[in-house]
mmCIF file of all heavy atoms, coordinates in Angstrom:
data_MODEL
# 
_entry.id   MODEL 
# 
loop_
_atom_site.group_PDB 
_atom_site.id 
_atom_site.type_symbol 
_atom_site.label_atom_id 
_atom_site.label_alt_id 
_atom_site.label_comp_id 
_atom_site.label_asym_id 
_atom_site.label_entity_id 
_atom_site.label_seq_id 
_atom_site.pdbx_PDB_ins_code 
_atom_site.Cartn_x 
_atom_site.Cartn_y 
_atom_site.Cartn_z 
_atom_site.occupancy 
_atom_site.B_iso_or_equiv 
_atom_site.pdbx_formal_charge 
_atom_site.auth_seq_id 
_atom_site.auth_comp_id 
_atom_site.auth_asym_id 
_atom_site.auth_atom_id 
_atom_site.pdbx_PDB_model_num 
ATOM 1   N N   . MET A 1 1  ? -67.426 242.451 332.778 1.00 0.00 ? 1  MET A N   1 
ATOM 2   C CA  . MET A 1 1  ? -68.240 241.989 331.660 1.00 0.00 ? 1  MET A CA  1 
ATOM 3   C C   . MET A 1 1  ? -69.698 241.820 332.071 1.00 0.00 ? 1  MET A C   1 
ATOM 4   O O   . MET A 1 1  ? -70.620 242.142 331.308 1.00 0.00 ? 1  MET A O   1 
ATOM 5   C CB  . MET A 1 1  ? -67.693 240.678 331.110 1.00 0.00 ? 1  MET A CB  1 
ATOM 6   C CG  . MET A 1 1  ? -66.489 240.823 330.201 1.00 0.00 ? 1  MET A CG  1 
ATOM 7   S SD  . MET A 1 1  ? -66.890 241.585 328.608 1.00 0.00 ? 1  MET A SD  1 
ATOM 8   C CE  . MET A 1 1  ? -67.861 240.287 327.837 1.00 0.00 ? 1  MET A CE  1 
ATOM 9   N N   . ALA A 1 2  ? -69.912 241.330 333.295 1.00 0.00 ? 2  ALA A N   1 
ATOM 10  C CA  . ALA A 1 2  ? -71.277 241.166 333.795 1.00 0.00 ? 2  ALA A CA  1 
ATOM 11  C C   . ALA A 1 2  ? -71.972 242.517 333.919 1.00 0.00 ? 2  ALA A C   1 
ATOM 12  O O   . ALA A 1 2  ? -73.152 242.667 333.539 1.00 0.00 ? 2  ALA A O   1 
ATOM 13  C CB  . ALA A 1 2  ? -71.260 240.452 335.145 1.00 0.00 ? 2  ALA A CB  1 
ATOM 14  N N   . ALA A 1 3  ? -71.245 243.518 334.425 1.00 0.00 ? 3  ALA A N   1 
ATOM 15  C CA  . ALA A 1 3  ? -71.825 244.859 334.554 1.00 0.00 ? 3  ALA A CA  1 
ATOM 16  C C   . ALA A 1 3  ? -72.163 245.442 333.182 1.00 0.00 ? 3  ALA A C   1 
ATOM 17  O O   . ALA A 1 3  ? -73.226 246.047 332.988 1.00 0.00 ? 3  ALA A O   1 
ATOM 18  C CB  . ALA A 1 3  ? -70.849 245.775 335.300 1.00 0.00 ? 3  ALA A CB  1 
ATOM 19  N N   . LEU A 1 4  ? -71.253 245.251 332.223 1.00 0.00 ? 4  LEU A N   1 
ATOM 20  C CA  . LEU A 1 4  ? -71.505 245.765 330.878 1.00 0.00 ? 4  LEU A CA  1 
ATOM 21  C C   . LEU A 1 4  ? -72.676 245.048 330.219 1.00 0.00 ? 4  LEU A C   1 
ATOM 22  O O   . LEU A 1 4  ? -73.534 245.680 329.592 1.00 0.00 ? 4  LEU A O   1 
ATOM 23  C CB  . LEU A 1 4  ? -70.240 245.610 330.027 1.00 0.00 ? 4  LEU A CB  1 
ATOM 24  C CG  . LEU A 1 4  ? -70.335 246.089 328.572 1.00 0.00 ? 4  LEU A CG  1 
ATOM 25  C CD1 . LEU A 1 4  ? -70.698 247.567 328.505 1.00 0.00 ? 4  LEU A CD1 1 
ATOM 26  C CD2 . LEU A 1 4  ? -69.022 245.826 327.837 1.00 0.00 ? 4  LEU A CD2 1 
ATOM 27  N N   . SER A 1 5  ? -72.738 243.739 330.366 1.00 0.00 ? 5  SER A N   1 
ATOM 28  C CA  . SER A 1 5  ? -73.830 242.966 329.764 1.00 0.00 ? 5  SER A CA  1 
ATOM 29  C C   . SER A 1 5  ? -75.183 243.393 330.320 1.00 0.00 ? 5  SER A C   1 
ATOM 30  O O   . SER A 1 5  ? -76.162 243.544 329.567 1.00 0.00 ? 5  SER A O   1 
ATOM 31  C CB  . SER A 1 5  ? -73.618 241.468 330.004 1.00 0.00 ? 5  SER A CB  1 
ATOM 32  O OG  . SER A 1 5  ? -72.440 241.012 329.372 1.00 0.00 ? 5  SER A OG  1 
ATOM 33  N N   . GLN A 1 6  ? -75.252 243.608 331.623 1.00 0.00 ? 6  GLN A N   1 
ATOM 34  C CA  . GLN A 1 6  ? -76.500 244.047 332.235 1.00 0.00 ? 6  GLN A CA  1 
ATOM 35  C C   . GLN A 1 6  ? -76.930 245.403 331.693 1.00 0.00 ? 6  GLN A C   1 
ATOM 36  O O   . GLN A 1 6  ? -78.108 245.638 331.409 1.00 0.00 ? 6  GLN A O   1 
ATOM 37  C CB  . GLN A 1 6  ? -76.344 244.102 333.755 1.00 0.00 ? 6  GLN A CB  1 
ATOM 38  C CG  . GLN A 1 6  ? -76.220 242.737 334.413 1.00 0.00 ? 6  GLN A CG  1 
ATOM 39  C CD  . GLN A 1 6  ? -75.965 242.839 335.900 1.00 0.00 ? 6  GLN A CD  1 
ATOM 40  O OE1 . GLN A 1 6  ? -76.050 243.910 336.508 1.00 0.00 ? 6  GLN A OE1 1 
ATOM 41  N NE2 . GLN A 1 6  ? -75.624 241.711 336.513 1.00 0.00 ? 6  GLN A NE2 1 
ATOM 42  N N   . ASP A 1 7  ? -75.965 246.317 331.540 1.00 0.00 ? 7  ASP A N   1 
ATOM 43  C CA  . ASP A 1 7  ? -76.297 247.644 331.009 1.00 0.00 ? 7  ASP A CA  1 
ATOM 44  C C   . ASP A 1 7  ? -76.751 247.550 329.558 1.00 0.00 ? 7  ASP A C   1 
ATOM 45  O O   . ASP A 1 7  ? -77.693 248.249 329.154 1.00 0.00 ? 7  ASP A O   1 
ATOM 46  C CB  . ASP A 1 7  ? -75.080 248.565 331.118 1.00 0.00 ? 7  ASP A CB  1 
ATOM 47  C CG  . ASP A 1 7  ? -75.369 249.964 330.595 1.00 0.00 ? 7  ASP A CG  1 
ATOM 48  O OD1 . ASP A 1 7  ? -76.097 250.709 331.282 1.00 0.00 ? 7  ASP A OD1 1 
ATOM 49  O OD2 . ASP A 1 7  ? -74.879 250.304 329.502 1.00 0.00 ? 7  ASP A OD2 1 
ATOM 50  N N   . LEU A 1 8  ? -76.097 246.698 328.764 1.00 0.00 ? 8  LEU A N   1 
ATOM 51  C CA  . LEU A 1 8  ? -76.475 246.546 327.358 1.00 0.00 ? 8  LEU A CA  1 
ATOM 52  C C   . LEU A 1 8  ? -77.872 245.949 327.224 1.00 0.00 ? 8  LEU A C   1 
ATOM 53  O O   . LEU A 1 8  ? -78.659 246.364 326.364 1.00 0.00 ? 8  LEU A O   1 
ATOM 54  C CB  . LEU A 1 8  ? -75.452 245.671 326.637 1.00 0.00 ? 8  LEU A CB  1 
ATOM 55  C CG  . LEU A 1 8  ? -74.040 246.249 326.503 1.00 0.00 ? 8  LEU A CG  1 
ATOM 56  C CD1 . LEU A 1 8  ? -73.115 245.230 325.850 1.00 0.00 ? 8  LEU A CD1 1 
ATOM 57  C CD2 . LEU A 1 8  ? -74.045 247.545 325.725 1.00 0.00 ? 8  LEU A CD2 1 
ATOM 58  N N   . LEU A 1 9  ? -78.192 244.981 328.073 1.00 0.00 ? 9  LEU A N   1 
ATOM 59  C CA  . LEU A 1 9  ? -79.530 244.388 328.041 1.00 0.00 ? 9  LEU A CA  1 
ATOM 60  C C   . LEU A 1 9  ? -80.589 245.423 328.421 1.00 0.00 ? 9  LEU A C   1 
ATOM 61  O O   . LEU A 1 9  ? -81.662 245.480 327.813 1.00 0.00 ? 9  LEU A O   1 
ATOM 62  C CB  . LEU A 1 9  ? -79.594 243.187 328.983 1.00 0.00 ? 9  LEU A CB  1 
ATOM 63  C CG  . LEU A 1 9  ? -78.885 241.916 328.496 1.00 0.00 ? 9  LEU A CG  1 
ATOM 64  C CD1 . LEU A 1 9  ? -78.792 240.897 329.634 1.00 0.00 ? 9  LEU A CD1 1 
ATOM 65  C CD2 . LEU A 1 9  ? -79.618 241.313 327.297 1.00 0.00 ? 9  LEU A CD2 1 
ATOM 66  N N   . ALA A 1 10 ? -80.280 246.238 329.427 1.00 0.00 ? 10 ALA A N   1 
ATOM 67  C CA  . ALA A 1 10 ? -81.222 247.280 329.849 1.00 0.00 ? 10 ALA A CA  1 
ATOM 68  C C   . ALA A 1 10 ? -81.423 248.314 328.742 1.00 0.00 ? 10 ALA A C   1 
ATOM 69  O O   . ALA A 1 10 ? -82.548 248.743 328.461 1.00 0.00 ? 10 ALA A O   1 
ATOM 70  C CB  . ALA A 1 10 ? -80.713 247.957 331.121 1.00 0.00 ? 10 ALA A CB  1 
ATOM 71  N N   . ALA A 1 11 ? -80.321 248.702 328.088 1.00 0.00 ? 11 ALA A N   1 
ATOM 72  C CA  . ALA A 1 11 ? -80.426 249.666 326.997 1.00 0.00 ? 11 ALA A CA  1 
ATOM 73  C C   . ALA A 1 11 ? -81.237 249.094 325.845 1.00 0.00 ? 11 ALA A C   1 
ATOM 74  O O   . ALA A 1 11 ? -82.082 249.777 325.247 1.00 0.00 ? 11 ALA A O   1 
ATOM 75  C CB  . ALA A 1 11 ? -79.029 250.072 326.516 1.00 0.00 ? 11 ALA A CB  1 
ATOM 76  N N   . GLY A 1 12 ? -80.994 247.814 325.520 1.00 0.00 ? 12 GLY A N   1 
ATOM 77  C CA  . GLY A 1 12 ? -81.739 247.182 324.447 1.00 0.00 ? 12 GLY A CA  1 
ATOM 78  C C   . GLY A 1 12 ? -83.226 247.091 324.730 1.00 0.00 ? 12 GLY A C   1 
ATOM 79  O O   . GLY A 1 12 ? -84.051 247.275 323.827 1.00 0.00 ? 12 GLY A O   1 
ATOM 80  N N   . SER A 1 13 ? -83.575 246.823 325.985 1.00 0.00 ? 13 SER A N   1 
ATOM 81  C CA  . SER A 1 13 ? -84.992 246.737 326.349 1.00 0.00 ? 13 SER A CA  1 
ATOM 82  C C   . SER A 1 13 ? -85.691 248.084 326.227 1.00 0.00 ? 13 SER A C   1 
ATOM 83  O O   . SER A 1 13 ? -86.918 248.146 326.084 1.00 0.00 ? 13 SER A O   1 
ATOM 84  C CB  . SER A 1 13 ? -85.129 246.210 327.783 1.00 0.00 ? 13 SER A CB  1 
ATOM 85  O OG  . SER A 1 13 ? -84.615 247.151 328.720 1.00 0.00 ? 13 SER A OG  1 
ATOM 86  N N   . GLU A 1 14 ? -84.927 249.167 326.262 1.00 0.00 ? 14 GLU A N   1 
ATOM 87  C CA  . GLU A 1 14 ? -85.482 250.507 326.103 1.00 0.00 ? 14 GLU A CA  1 
ATOM 88  C C   . GLU A 1 14 ? -85.400 251.001 324.664 1.00 0.00 ? 14 GLU A C   1 
ATOM 89  O O   . GLU A 1 14 ? -85.702 252.155 324.367 1.00 0.00 ? 14 GLU A O   1 
ATOM 90  C CB  . GLU A 1 14 ? -84.735 251.491 327.014 1.00 0.00 ? 14 GLU A CB  1 
ATOM 91  C CG  . GLU A 1 14 ? -84.876 251.181 328.496 1.00 0.00 ? 14 GLU A CG  1 
ATOM 92  C CD  . GLU A 1 14 ? -83.987 252.070 329.365 1.00 0.00 ? 14 GLU A CD  1 
ATOM 93  O OE1 . GLU A 1 14 ? -83.288 252.948 328.796 1.00 0.00 ? 14 GLU A OE1 1 
ATOM 94  O OE2 . GLU A 1 14 ? -84.008 251.903 330.596 1.00 0.00 ? 14 GLU A OE2 1 
ATOM 95  N N   . GLY A 1 15 ? -84.982 250.117 323.760 1.00 0.00 ? 15 GLY A N   1 
ATOM 96  C CA  . GLY A 1 15 ? -84.881 250.486 322.358 1.00 0.00 ? 15 GLY A CA  1 
ATOM 97  C C   . GLY A 1 15 ? -83.663 251.322 322.025 1.00 0.00 ? 15 GLY A C   1 
ATOM 98  O O   . GLY A 1 15 ? -83.623 251.970 320.970 1.00 0.00 ? 15 GLY A O   1 
ATOM 99  N N   . LYS A 1 16 ? -82.650 251.289 322.875 1.00 0.00 ? 16 LYS A N   1 
ATOM 100 C CA  . LYS A 1 16 ? -81.447 252.076 322.650 1.00 0.00 ? 16 LYS A CA  1 
ATOM 101 C C   . LYS A 1 16 ? -80.329 251.222 322.053 1.00 0.00 ? 16 LYS A C   1 
ATOM 102 O O   . LYS A 1 16 ? -80.290 250.007 322.248 1.00 0.00 ? 16 LYS A O   1 
ATOM 103 C CB  . LYS A 1 16 ? -80.972 252.709 323.955 1.00 0.00 ? 16 LYS A CB  1 
ATOM 104 C CG  . LYS A 1 16 ? -81.953 253.725 324.540 1.00 0.00 ? 16 LYS A CG  1 
ATOM 105 C CD  . LYS A 1 16 ? -81.424 254.317 325.838 1.00 0.00 ? 16 LYS A CD  1 
ATOM 106 C CE  . LYS A 1 16 ? -82.393 255.336 326.406 1.00 0.00 ? 16 LYS A CE  1 
ATOM 107 N NZ  . LYS A 1 16 ? -81.904 255.919 327.689 1.00 0.00 ? 16 LYS A NZ  1 
ATOM 108 N N   . THR A 1 17 ? -79.436 251.867 321.358 1.00 0.00 ? 17 THR A N   1 
ATOM 109 C CA  . THR A 1 17 ? -78.263 251.223 320.774 1.00 0.00 ? 17 THR A CA  1 
ATOM 110 C C   . THR A 1 17 ? -77.017 251.765 321.457 1.00 0.00 ? 17 THR A C   1 
ATOM 111 O O   . THR A 1 17 ? -76.912 252.962 321.708 1.00 0.00 ? 17 THR A O   1 
ATOM 112 C CB  . THR A 1 17 ? -78.179 251.508 319.260 1.00 0.00 ? 17 THR A CB  1 
ATOM 113 O OG1 . THR A 1 17 ? -79.336 250.956 318.623 1.00 0.00 ? 17 THR A OG1 1 
ATOM 114 C CG2 . THR A 1 17 ? -76.922 250.897 318.650 1.00 0.00 ? 17 THR A CG2 1 
ATOM 115 N N   . VAL A 1 18 ? -76.067 250.888 321.751 1.00 0.00 ? 18 VAL A N   1 
ATOM 116 C CA  . VAL A 1 18 ? -74.812 251.296 322.387 1.00 0.00 ? 18 VAL A CA  1 
ATOM 117 C C   . VAL A 1 18 ? -73.680 251.112 321.391 1.00 0.00 ? 18 VAL A C   1 
ATOM 118 O O   . VAL A 1 18 ? -73.502 250.036 320.817 1.00 0.00 ? 18 VAL A O   1 
ATOM 119 C CB  . VAL A 1 18 ? -74.540 250.487 323.670 1.00 0.00 ? 18 VAL A CB  1 
ATOM 120 C CG1 . VAL A 1 18 ? -73.216 250.936 324.302 1.00 0.00 ? 18 VAL A CG1 1 
ATOM 121 C CG2 . VAL A 1 18 ? -75.690 250.670 324.667 1.00 0.00 ? 18 VAL A CG2 1 
ATOM 122 N N   . LEU A 1 19 ? -72.915 252.194 321.193 1.00 0.00 ? 19 LEU A N   1 
ATOM 123 C CA  . LEU A 1 19 ? -71.820 252.202 320.231 1.00 0.00 ? 19 LEU A CA  1 
ATOM 124 C C   . LEU A 1 19 ? -70.497 252.472 320.944 1.00 0.00 ? 19 LEU A C   1 
ATOM 125 O O   . LEU A 1 19 ? -70.396 253.387 321.760 1.00 0.00 ? 19 LEU A O   1 
ATOM 126 C CB  . LEU A 1 19 ? -72.055 253.297 319.179 1.00 0.00 ? 19 LEU A CB  1 
ATOM 127 C CG  . LEU A 1 19 ? -70.877 253.669 318.274 1.00 0.00 ? 19 LEU A CG  1 
ATOM 128 C CD1 . LEU A 1 19 ? -70.542 252.522 317.328 1.00 0.00 ? 19 LEU A CD1 1 
ATOM 129 C CD2 . LEU A 1 19 ? -71.184 254.943 317.488 1.00 0.00 ? 19 LEU A CD2 1 
ATOM 130 N N   . VAL A 1 20 ? -69.476 251.679 320.612 1.00 0.00 ? 20 VAL A N   1 
ATOM 131 C CA  . VAL A 1 20 ? -68.118 251.910 321.110 1.00 0.00 ? 20 VAL A CA  1 
ATOM 132 C C   . VAL A 1 20 ? -67.214 252.177 319.910 1.00 0.00 ? 20 VAL A C   1 
ATOM 133 O O   . VAL A 1 20 ? -67.173 251.385 318.970 1.00 0.00 ? 20 VAL A O   1 
ATOM 134 C CB  . VAL A 1 20 ? -67.584 250.701 321.905 1.00 0.00 ? 20 VAL A CB  1 
ATOM 135 C CG1 . VAL A 1 20 ? -66.106 250.881 322.235 1.00 0.00 ? 20 VAL A CG1 1 
ATOM 136 C CG2 . VAL A 1 20 ? -68.387 250.520 323.188 1.00 0.00 ? 20 VAL A CG2 1 
ATOM 137 N N   . ILE A 1 21 ? -66.503 253.311 319.943 1.00 0.00 ? 21 ILE A N   1 
ATOM 138 C CA  . ILE A 1 21 ? -65.552 253.661 318.900 1.00 0.00 ? 21 ILE A CA  1 
ATOM 139 C C   . ILE A 1 21 ? -64.144 253.564 319.475 1.00 0.00 ? 21 ILE A C   1 
ATOM 140 O O   . ILE A 1 21 ? -63.866 254.147 320.528 1.00 0.00 ? 21 ILE A O   1 
ATOM 141 C CB  . ILE A 1 21 ? -65.792 255.084 318.362 1.00 0.00 ? 21 ILE A CB  1 
ATOM 142 C CG1 . ILE A 1 21 ? -67.192 255.206 317.768 1.00 0.00 ? 21 ILE A CG1 1 
ATOM 143 C CG2 . ILE A 1 21 ? -64.742 255.450 317.315 1.00 0.00 ? 21 ILE A CG2 1 
ATOM 144 C CD1 . ILE A 1 21 ? -67.546 256.609 317.303 1.00 0.00 ? 21 ILE A CD1 1 
ATOM 145 N N   . VAL A 1 22 ? -63.265 252.826 318.816 1.00 0.00 ? 22 VAL A N   1 
ATOM 146 C CA  . VAL A 1 22 ? -61.873 252.696 319.250 1.00 0.00 ? 22 VAL A CA  1 
ATOM 147 C C   . VAL A 1 22 ? -60.993 253.331 318.180 1.00 0.00 ? 22 VAL A C   1 
ATOM 148 O O   . VAL A 1 22 ? -60.928 252.844 317.045 1.00 0.00 ? 22 VAL A O   1 
ATOM 149 C CB  . VAL A 1 22 ? -61.471 251.228 319.463 1.00 0.00 ? 22 VAL A CB  1 
ATOM 150 C CG1 . VAL A 1 22 ? -60.028 251.152 319.975 1.00 0.00 ? 22 VAL A CG1 1 
ATOM 151 C CG2 . VAL A 1 22 ? -62.418 250.541 320.447 1.00 0.00 ? 22 VAL A CG2 1 
ATOM 152 N N   . ASP A 1 23 ? -60.315 254.428 318.536 1.00 0.00 ? 23 ASP A N   1 
ATOM 153 C CA  . ASP A 1 23 ? -59.442 255.115 317.581 1.00 0.00 ? 23 ASP A CA  1 
ATOM 154 C C   . ASP A 1 23 ? -58.038 254.497 317.598 1.00 0.00 ? 23 ASP A C   1 
ATOM 155 O O   . ASP A 1 23 ? -57.614 253.930 318.604 1.00 0.00 ? 23 ASP A O   1 
ATOM 156 C CB  . ASP A 1 23 ? -59.367 256.602 317.929 1.00 0.00 ? 23 ASP A CB  1 
ATOM 157 C CG  . ASP A 1 23 ? -58.940 257.454 316.747 1.00 0.00 ? 23 ASP A CG  1 
ATOM 158 O OD1 . ASP A 1 23 ? -58.812 256.901 315.632 1.00 0.00 ? 23 ASP A OD1 1 
ATOM 159 O OD2 . ASP A 1 23 ? -58.735 258.673 316.918 1.00 0.00 ? 23 ASP A OD2 1 
ATOM 160 N N   . GLU A 1 24 ? -57.332 254.626 316.482 1.00 0.00 ? 24 GLU A N   1 
ATOM 161 C CA  . GLU A 1 24 ? -55.982 254.059 316.321 1.00 0.00 ? 24 GLU A CA  1 
ATOM 162 C C   . GLU A 1 24 ? -55.964 252.565 316.657 1.00 0.00 ? 24 GLU A C   1 
ATOM 163 O O   . GLU A 1 24 ? -55.042 252.043 317.286 1.00 0.00 ? 24 GLU A O   1 
ATOM 164 C CB  . GLU A 1 24 ? -54.971 254.809 317.192 1.00 0.00 ? 24 GLU A CB  1 
ATOM 165 C CG  . GLU A 1 24 ? -54.823 256.279 316.863 1.00 0.00 ? 24 GLU A CG  1 
ATOM 166 C CD  . GLU A 1 24 ? -54.249 256.525 315.469 1.00 0.00 ? 24 GLU A CD  1 
ATOM 167 O OE1 . GLU A 1 24 ? -53.620 255.604 314.917 1.00 0.00 ? 24 GLU A OE1 1 
ATOM 168 O OE2 . GLU A 1 24 ? -54.429 257.631 314.936 1.00 0.00 ? 24 GLU A OE2 1 
ATOM 169 N N   . ALA A 1 25 ? -56.994 251.874 316.201 1.00 0.00 ? 25 ALA A N   1 
ATOM 170 C CA  . ALA A 1 25 ? -57.184 250.471 316.591 1.00 0.00 ? 25 ALA A CA  1 
ATOM 171 C C   . ALA A 1 25 ? -56.110 249.546 316.033 1.00 0.00 ? 25 ALA A C   1 
ATOM 172 O O   . ALA A 1 25 ? -55.954 248.417 316.528 1.00 0.00 ? 25 ALA A O   1 
ATOM 173 C CB  . ALA A 1 25 ? -58.569 249.993 316.150 1.00 0.00 ? 25 ALA A CB  1 
ATOM 174 N N   . GLN A 1 26 ? -55.363 249.995 315.024 1.00 0.00 ? 26 GLN A N   1 
ATOM 175 C CA  . GLN A 1 26 ? -54.304 249.135 314.482 1.00 0.00 ? 26 GLN A CA  1 
ATOM 176 C C   . GLN A 1 26 ? -53.189 248.909 315.496 1.00 0.00 ? 26 GLN A C   1 
ATOM 177 O O   . GLN A 1 26 ? -52.364 248.000 315.336 1.00 0.00 ? 26 GLN A O   1 
ATOM 178 C CB  . GLN A 1 26 ? -53.729 249.730 313.187 1.00 0.00 ? 26 GLN A CB  1 
ATOM 179 C CG  . GLN A 1 26 ? -52.718 250.844 313.356 1.00 0.00 ? 26 GLN A CG  1 
ATOM 180 C CD  . GLN A 1 26 ? -53.358 252.191 313.661 1.00 0.00 ? 26 GLN A CD  1 
ATOM 181 O OE1 . GLN A 1 26 ? -54.580 252.317 313.577 1.00 0.00 ? 26 GLN A OE1 1 
ATOM 182 N NE2 . GLN A 1 26 ? -52.557 253.190 313.983 1.00 0.00 ? 26 GLN A NE2 1 
# 
């Protein structure tokens, strides 16, 4: 979670959006 949070913060600071799609989520 720490690794993911750091990457998301870095992406956000660069104006990027991160999207996760989960198929068959039911």
